[in-house]
Amino acid sequence: MLYRPDRLNARALPGWAQPIGLRDLWCDDPAHPAYNLPVRAPFKPSHESLRRADPLYDLILTTDWNFPEAIPGRGSAIFLHSWRRPGYPTAGCLAFARSDLLWIAQRVTPGARILIRP
């Protein structure tokens, strides 16, 4: 679990939640050895910034999809995060209303299973 300490109160989250720093990124370059792993700026290969201007990544629950030994092209940065609005698609993540994501974050434990059913 990762969170923006400038936007969320750490006391509202489990003690194992990690703050997102100014240089925190996630590598999404399938040709790079750090594919689907957190990295820090400066980082030239393709990546996603974890510190976004919008509130989508204020709170991120990471998953073990294609992690820790990623298969290139099988998917990177599959997170639970806030949605833009109901019904708006993501690029493969699971998106929730902020209040629902906080509810999950306050109850989840490391190693919990997420079951997605159609």
N, C-alpha and C. Protein backbone atom coordinates (compact mmCIF):
# COMPACT_ATOMS: atom_id res chain seq x y z
N MET A 1 0.84 -1.17 0.00
CA MET A 1 0.00 0.00 0.00
C MET A 1 0.89 1.24 0.00
N LEU A 2 0.58 2.15 -0.91
CA LEU A 2 1.32 3.39 -1.07
C LEU A 2 0.34 4.55 -0.95
N TYR A 3 0.79 5.66 -0.39
CA TYR A 3 -0.12 6.79 -0.23
C TYR A 3 0.65 8.11 -0.34
N ARG A 4 -0.07 9.16 -0.68
CA ARG A 4 0.49 10.51 -0.74
C ARG A 4 0.40 11.14 0.64
N PRO A 5 1.51 11.31 1.33
CA PRO A 5 1.46 11.88 2.68
C PRO A 5 1.02 13.34 2.72
N ASP A 6 1.11 14.03 1.58
CA ASP A 6 0.66 15.41 1.54
C ASP A 6 -0.85 15.51 1.30
N ARG A 7 -1.49 14.37 1.02
CA ARG A 7 -2.92 14.38 0.73
C ARG A 7 -3.74 13.47 1.64
N LEU A 8 -3.10 12.50 2.27
CA LEU A 8 -3.80 11.58 3.16
C LEU A 8 -3.09 11.53 4.51
N ASN A 9 -3.87 11.38 5.54
CA ASN A 9 -3.34 11.26 6.89
C ASN A 9 -2.90 9.82 7.13
N ALA A 10 -1.65 9.62 7.43
CA ALA A 10 -1.11 8.27 7.65
C ALA A 10 -1.83 7.56 8.79
N ARG A 11 -2.37 8.31 9.75
CA ARG A 11 -3.06 7.67 10.88
C ARG A 11 -4.34 6.97 10.44
N ALA A 12 -4.86 7.32 9.26
CA ALA A 12 -6.06 6.67 8.75
C ALA A 12 -5.74 5.37 8.01
N LEU A 13 -4.45 5.03 7.92
CA LEU A 13 -4.01 3.86 7.16
C LEU A 13 -3.25 2.90 8.06
N PRO A 14 -3.13 1.65 7.62
CA PRO A 14 -2.33 0.70 8.41
C PRO A 14 -0.89 1.18 8.54
N GLY A 15 -0.23 0.77 9.59
CA GLY A 15 1.14 1.19 9.85
C GLY A 15 2.14 0.72 8.80
N TRP A 16 1.78 -0.26 8.01
CA TRP A 16 2.70 -0.77 6.98
C TRP A 16 2.56 -0.02 5.66
N ALA A 17 1.64 0.93 5.56
CA ALA A 17 1.51 1.73 4.33
C ALA A 17 2.77 2.56 4.13
N GLN A 18 3.21 2.69 2.89
CA GLN A 18 4.44 3.40 2.56
C GLN A 18 4.13 4.72 1.85
N PRO A 19 4.77 5.81 2.25
CA PRO A 19 4.53 7.09 1.57
C PRO A 19 5.11 7.09 0.15
N ILE A 20 4.43 7.79 -0.74
CA ILE A 20 4.92 7.99 -2.10
C ILE A 20 5.78 9.24 -2.10
N GLY A 21 7.03 9.09 -2.49
CA GLY A 21 7.96 10.21 -2.53
C GLY A 21 7.93 10.94 -3.86
N LEU A 22 8.60 12.06 -3.90
CA LEU A 22 8.63 12.90 -5.10
C LEU A 22 9.24 12.19 -6.29
N ARG A 23 10.13 11.25 -6.08
CA ARG A 23 10.84 10.58 -7.18
C ARG A 23 10.35 9.16 -7.43
N ASP A 24 9.25 8.75 -6.82
CA ASP A 24 8.77 7.38 -6.95
C ASP A 24 8.05 7.15 -8.27
N LEU A 25 8.48 6.11 -8.97
CA LEU A 25 7.95 5.72 -10.27
C LEU A 25 7.68 4.22 -10.25
N TRP A 26 7.03 3.74 -11.33
CA TRP A 26 6.82 2.30 -11.52
C TRP A 26 7.24 1.98 -12.95
N CYS A 27 8.18 1.08 -13.11
CA CYS A 27 8.69 0.74 -14.45
C CYS A 27 7.66 -0.08 -15.22
N ASP A 28 7.30 0.38 -16.42
CA ASP A 28 6.39 -0.38 -17.27
C ASP A 28 7.04 -0.73 -18.62
N ASP A 29 8.36 -0.73 -18.65
CA ASP A 29 9.11 -1.08 -19.86
C ASP A 29 9.41 -2.57 -19.83
N PRO A 30 8.72 -3.39 -20.68
CA PRO A 30 8.91 -4.84 -20.63
C PRO A 30 10.32 -5.29 -20.99
N ALA A 31 11.13 -4.42 -21.60
CA ALA A 31 12.51 -4.78 -21.95
C ALA A 31 13.49 -4.47 -20.83
N HIS A 32 13.04 -3.83 -19.77
CA HIS A 32 13.94 -3.43 -18.70
C HIS A 32 13.90 -4.45 -17.54
N PRO A 33 15.02 -4.70 -16.90
CA PRO A 33 15.04 -5.65 -15.77
C PRO A 33 14.13 -5.25 -14.60
N ALA A 34 13.81 -3.97 -14.49
CA ALA A 34 12.94 -3.50 -13.40
C ALA A 34 11.47 -3.49 -13.80
N TYR A 35 11.13 -4.13 -14.91
CA TYR A 35 9.73 -4.17 -15.38
C TYR A 35 8.80 -4.60 -14.25
N ASN A 36 7.76 -3.83 -14.05
CA ASN A 36 6.73 -4.07 -13.05
C ASN A 36 7.27 -4.00 -11.62
N LEU A 37 8.23 -3.11 -11.42
CA LEU A 37 8.79 -2.89 -10.09
C LEU A 37 8.86 -1.38 -9.82
N PRO A 38 8.83 -1.00 -8.55
CA PRO A 38 9.02 0.42 -8.24
C PRO A 38 10.45 0.83 -8.53
N VAL A 39 10.61 2.04 -9.05
CA VAL A 39 11.92 2.62 -9.34
C VAL A 39 11.88 4.09 -8.92
N ARG A 40 13.02 4.74 -9.00
CA ARG A 40 13.10 6.14 -8.61
C ARG A 40 13.67 6.99 -9.74
N ALA A 41 13.19 8.19 -9.82
CA ALA A 41 13.70 9.15 -10.80
C ALA A 41 15.09 9.61 -10.35
N PRO A 42 15.94 9.92 -11.30
CA PRO A 42 15.72 9.87 -12.75
C PRO A 42 15.76 8.43 -13.27
N PHE A 43 14.88 8.15 -14.21
CA PHE A 43 14.76 6.81 -14.78
C PHE A 43 14.29 6.98 -16.22
N LYS A 44 15.15 6.66 -17.18
CA LYS A 44 14.84 6.92 -18.59
C LYS A 44 13.87 5.92 -19.22
N PRO A 45 13.94 4.61 -18.90
CA PRO A 45 12.99 3.69 -19.55
C PRO A 45 11.54 4.07 -19.23
N SER A 46 10.62 3.49 -19.97
CA SER A 46 9.20 3.80 -19.79
C SER A 46 8.78 3.52 -18.34
N HIS A 47 7.99 4.45 -17.80
CA HIS A 47 7.56 4.32 -16.41
C HIS A 47 6.28 5.11 -16.19
N GLU A 48 5.69 4.87 -15.06
CA GLU A 48 4.51 5.61 -14.64
C GLU A 48 4.87 6.35 -13.36
N SER A 49 4.53 7.61 -13.27
CA SER A 49 4.78 8.38 -12.06
C SER A 49 3.75 8.01 -11.00
N LEU A 50 4.20 7.73 -9.80
CA LEU A 50 3.28 7.41 -8.72
C LEU A 50 2.78 8.67 -8.02
N ARG A 51 3.39 9.78 -8.30
CA ARG A 51 3.01 11.06 -7.69
C ARG A 51 2.34 11.90 -8.76
N ARG A 52 1.06 11.72 -8.92
CA ARG A 52 0.30 12.36 -9.98
C ARG A 52 -0.31 13.68 -9.51
N ALA A 53 -0.59 14.55 -10.47
CA ALA A 53 -1.25 15.82 -10.16
C ALA A 53 -2.71 15.59 -9.76
N ASP A 54 -3.36 14.61 -10.41
CA ASP A 54 -4.74 14.28 -10.06
C ASP A 54 -4.75 13.36 -8.83
N PRO A 55 -5.91 13.08 -8.25
CA PRO A 55 -5.97 12.28 -7.02
C PRO A 55 -6.02 10.76 -7.23
N LEU A 56 -5.87 10.29 -8.47
CA LEU A 56 -6.04 8.86 -8.72
C LEU A 56 -5.09 7.98 -7.92
N TYR A 57 -3.87 8.43 -7.73
CA TYR A 57 -2.87 7.63 -7.02
C TYR A 57 -2.57 8.16 -5.62
N ASP A 58 -3.49 8.90 -5.03
CA ASP A 58 -3.28 9.34 -3.66
C ASP A 58 -3.16 8.14 -2.72
N LEU A 59 -3.85 7.06 -3.07
CA LEU A 59 -3.78 5.81 -2.33
C LEU A 59 -3.75 4.68 -3.34
N ILE A 60 -2.74 3.83 -3.24
CA ILE A 60 -2.57 2.71 -4.16
C ILE A 60 -2.42 1.43 -3.36
N LEU A 61 -3.20 0.44 -3.69
CA LEU A 61 -2.98 -0.90 -3.16
C LEU A 61 -2.37 -1.70 -4.29
N THR A 62 -1.16 -2.16 -4.07
CA THR A 62 -0.46 -2.91 -5.11
C THR A 62 -0.96 -4.35 -5.10
N THR A 63 -0.77 -5.03 -6.21
CA THR A 63 -1.15 -6.43 -6.32
C THR A 63 0.07 -7.26 -6.70
N ASP A 64 -0.09 -8.56 -6.64
CA ASP A 64 1.02 -9.42 -7.03
C ASP A 64 0.86 -9.91 -8.48
N TRP A 65 0.03 -9.20 -9.25
CA TRP A 65 -0.10 -9.55 -10.65
C TRP A 65 1.24 -9.38 -11.35
N ASN A 66 1.75 -10.46 -11.92
CA ASN A 66 3.01 -10.45 -12.66
C ASN A 66 4.15 -9.89 -11.81
N PHE A 67 4.17 -10.27 -10.54
CA PHE A 67 5.13 -9.73 -9.57
C PHE A 67 5.47 -10.82 -8.57
N PRO A 68 6.65 -10.99 -8.09
CA PRO A 68 7.82 -10.13 -8.28
C PRO A 68 8.68 -10.50 -9.48
N GLU A 69 8.45 -11.65 -10.07
CA GLU A 69 9.22 -12.05 -11.26
C GLU A 69 8.34 -11.86 -12.48
N ALA A 70 8.39 -10.67 -13.04
CA ALA A 70 7.50 -10.29 -14.12
C ALA A 70 7.86 -10.95 -15.44
N ILE A 71 6.83 -11.35 -16.17
CA ILE A 71 6.98 -11.84 -17.54
C ILE A 71 6.72 -10.65 -18.45
N PRO A 72 7.70 -10.26 -19.27
CA PRO A 72 7.54 -9.08 -20.12
C PRO A 72 6.26 -9.13 -20.96
N GLY A 73 5.52 -8.04 -20.93
CA GLY A 73 4.31 -7.91 -21.72
C GLY A 73 3.06 -8.49 -21.06
N ARG A 74 3.20 -9.10 -19.90
CA ARG A 74 2.05 -9.72 -19.25
C ARG A 74 1.25 -8.75 -18.38
N GLY A 75 1.77 -7.56 -18.21
CA GLY A 75 1.03 -6.56 -17.44
C GLY A 75 1.87 -5.97 -16.34
N SER A 76 1.71 -4.67 -16.17
CA SER A 76 2.49 -3.94 -15.19
C SER A 76 1.60 -2.94 -14.48
N ALA A 77 1.91 -2.68 -13.21
CA ALA A 77 1.22 -1.67 -12.42
C ALA A 77 -0.28 -1.93 -12.35
N ILE A 78 -0.66 -3.15 -12.00
CA ILE A 78 -2.07 -3.46 -11.81
C ILE A 78 -2.38 -3.13 -10.35
N PHE A 79 -2.99 -1.97 -10.16
CA PHE A 79 -3.24 -1.42 -8.83
C PHE A 79 -4.74 -1.33 -8.53
N LEU A 80 -5.04 -1.16 -7.26
CA LEU A 80 -6.34 -0.66 -6.82
C LEU A 80 -6.10 0.81 -6.51
N HIS A 81 -6.89 1.68 -7.09
CA HIS A 81 -6.73 3.12 -6.88
C HIS A 81 -8.07 3.82 -7.05
N SER A 82 -8.10 5.12 -6.83
CA SER A 82 -9.33 5.89 -6.96
C SER A 82 -9.73 6.02 -8.43
N TRP A 83 -11.02 6.13 -8.63
CA TRP A 83 -11.51 6.30 -10.00
C TRP A 83 -11.65 7.78 -10.36
N ARG A 84 -11.73 8.03 -11.68
CA ARG A 84 -12.00 9.39 -12.14
C ARG A 84 -13.47 9.71 -11.89
N ARG A 85 -14.31 8.77 -12.27
CA ARG A 85 -15.75 8.85 -12.05
C ARG A 85 -16.32 7.46 -12.32
N PRO A 86 -17.53 7.19 -11.85
CA PRO A 86 -18.11 5.86 -12.06
C PRO A 86 -18.16 5.50 -13.54
N GLY A 87 -17.76 4.28 -13.87
CA GLY A 87 -17.83 3.78 -15.23
C GLY A 87 -16.68 4.19 -16.12
N TYR A 88 -15.78 5.05 -15.66
CA TYR A 88 -14.65 5.49 -16.48
C TYR A 88 -13.59 4.39 -16.47
N PRO A 89 -13.11 3.97 -17.64
CA PRO A 89 -12.18 2.84 -17.68
C PRO A 89 -10.78 3.20 -17.16
N THR A 90 -10.05 2.17 -16.77
CA THR A 90 -8.64 2.31 -16.40
C THR A 90 -7.82 1.57 -17.44
N ALA A 91 -6.52 1.57 -17.28
CA ALA A 91 -5.63 0.85 -18.19
C ALA A 91 -5.30 -0.53 -17.62
N GLY A 92 -6.26 -1.15 -16.93
CA GLY A 92 -6.06 -2.49 -16.40
C GLY A 92 -6.13 -2.58 -14.90
N CYS A 93 -6.28 -1.45 -14.23
CA CYS A 93 -6.37 -1.44 -12.77
C CYS A 93 -7.81 -1.64 -12.31
N LEU A 94 -7.98 -1.70 -11.00
CA LEU A 94 -9.29 -1.73 -10.38
C LEU A 94 -9.49 -0.37 -9.71
N ALA A 95 -10.53 0.33 -10.08
CA ALA A 95 -10.74 1.69 -9.58
C ALA A 95 -12.00 1.75 -8.73
N PHE A 96 -11.91 2.53 -7.65
CA PHE A 96 -12.98 2.62 -6.67
C PHE A 96 -13.22 4.08 -6.30
N ALA A 97 -14.40 4.34 -5.76
CA ALA A 97 -14.64 5.63 -5.13
C ALA A 97 -13.63 5.76 -3.99
N ARG A 98 -13.16 6.96 -3.74
CA ARG A 98 -12.14 7.17 -2.71
C ARG A 98 -12.58 6.61 -1.35
N SER A 99 -13.83 6.84 -0.99
CA SER A 99 -14.32 6.35 0.31
C SER A 99 -14.28 4.83 0.37
N ASP A 100 -14.62 4.16 -0.72
CA ASP A 100 -14.56 2.70 -0.75
C ASP A 100 -13.13 2.20 -0.71
N LEU A 101 -12.23 2.87 -1.41
CA LEU A 101 -10.82 2.48 -1.40
C LEU A 101 -10.24 2.65 0.01
N LEU A 102 -10.58 3.72 0.68
CA LEU A 102 -10.13 3.90 2.07
C LEU A 102 -10.69 2.82 2.98
N TRP A 103 -11.94 2.44 2.77
CA TRP A 103 -12.56 1.37 3.56
C TRP A 103 -11.77 0.08 3.38
N ILE A 104 -11.44 -0.26 2.15
CA ILE A 104 -10.65 -1.46 1.87
C ILE A 104 -9.28 -1.35 2.52
N ALA A 105 -8.62 -0.21 2.33
CA ALA A 105 -7.27 -0.01 2.85
C ALA A 105 -7.20 -0.17 4.36
N GLN A 106 -8.23 0.26 5.05
CA GLN A 106 -8.23 0.18 6.51
C GLN A 106 -8.46 -1.24 7.03
N ARG A 107 -8.86 -2.14 6.14
CA ARG A 107 -9.18 -3.50 6.56
C ARG A 107 -8.30 -4.59 5.94
N VAL A 108 -7.61 -4.26 4.87
CA VAL A 108 -6.81 -5.26 4.17
C VAL A 108 -5.53 -5.55 4.94
N THR A 109 -5.03 -6.75 4.76
CA THR A 109 -3.74 -7.12 5.35
C THR A 109 -2.82 -7.61 4.23
N PRO A 110 -1.52 -7.49 4.41
CA PRO A 110 -0.60 -8.00 3.39
C PRO A 110 -0.89 -9.48 3.12
N GLY A 111 -0.93 -9.83 1.85
CA GLY A 111 -1.21 -11.20 1.45
C GLY A 111 -2.68 -11.50 1.24
N ALA A 112 -3.56 -10.51 1.48
CA ALA A 112 -4.99 -10.73 1.26
C ALA A 112 -5.25 -11.04 -0.21
N ARG A 113 -6.26 -11.83 -0.46
CA ARG A 113 -6.62 -12.19 -1.84
C ARG A 113 -7.71 -11.27 -2.37
N ILE A 114 -7.58 -10.90 -3.62
CA ILE A 114 -8.60 -10.13 -4.32
C ILE A 114 -9.22 -11.06 -5.34
N LEU A 115 -10.51 -11.28 -5.23
CA LEU A 115 -11.19 -12.13 -6.19
C LEU A 115 -12.09 -11.25 -7.06
N ILE A 116 -11.88 -11.32 -8.36
CA ILE A 116 -12.66 -10.54 -9.31
C ILE A 116 -13.61 -11.49 -10.02
N ARG A 117 -14.87 -11.18 -9.91
CA ARG A 117 -15.88 -12.01 -10.55
C ARG A 117 -16.66 -11.16 -11.54
N PRO A 118 -16.99 -11.74 -12.68
CA PRO A 118 -17.76 -10.98 -13.67
C PRO A 118 -19.19 -10.71 -13.22
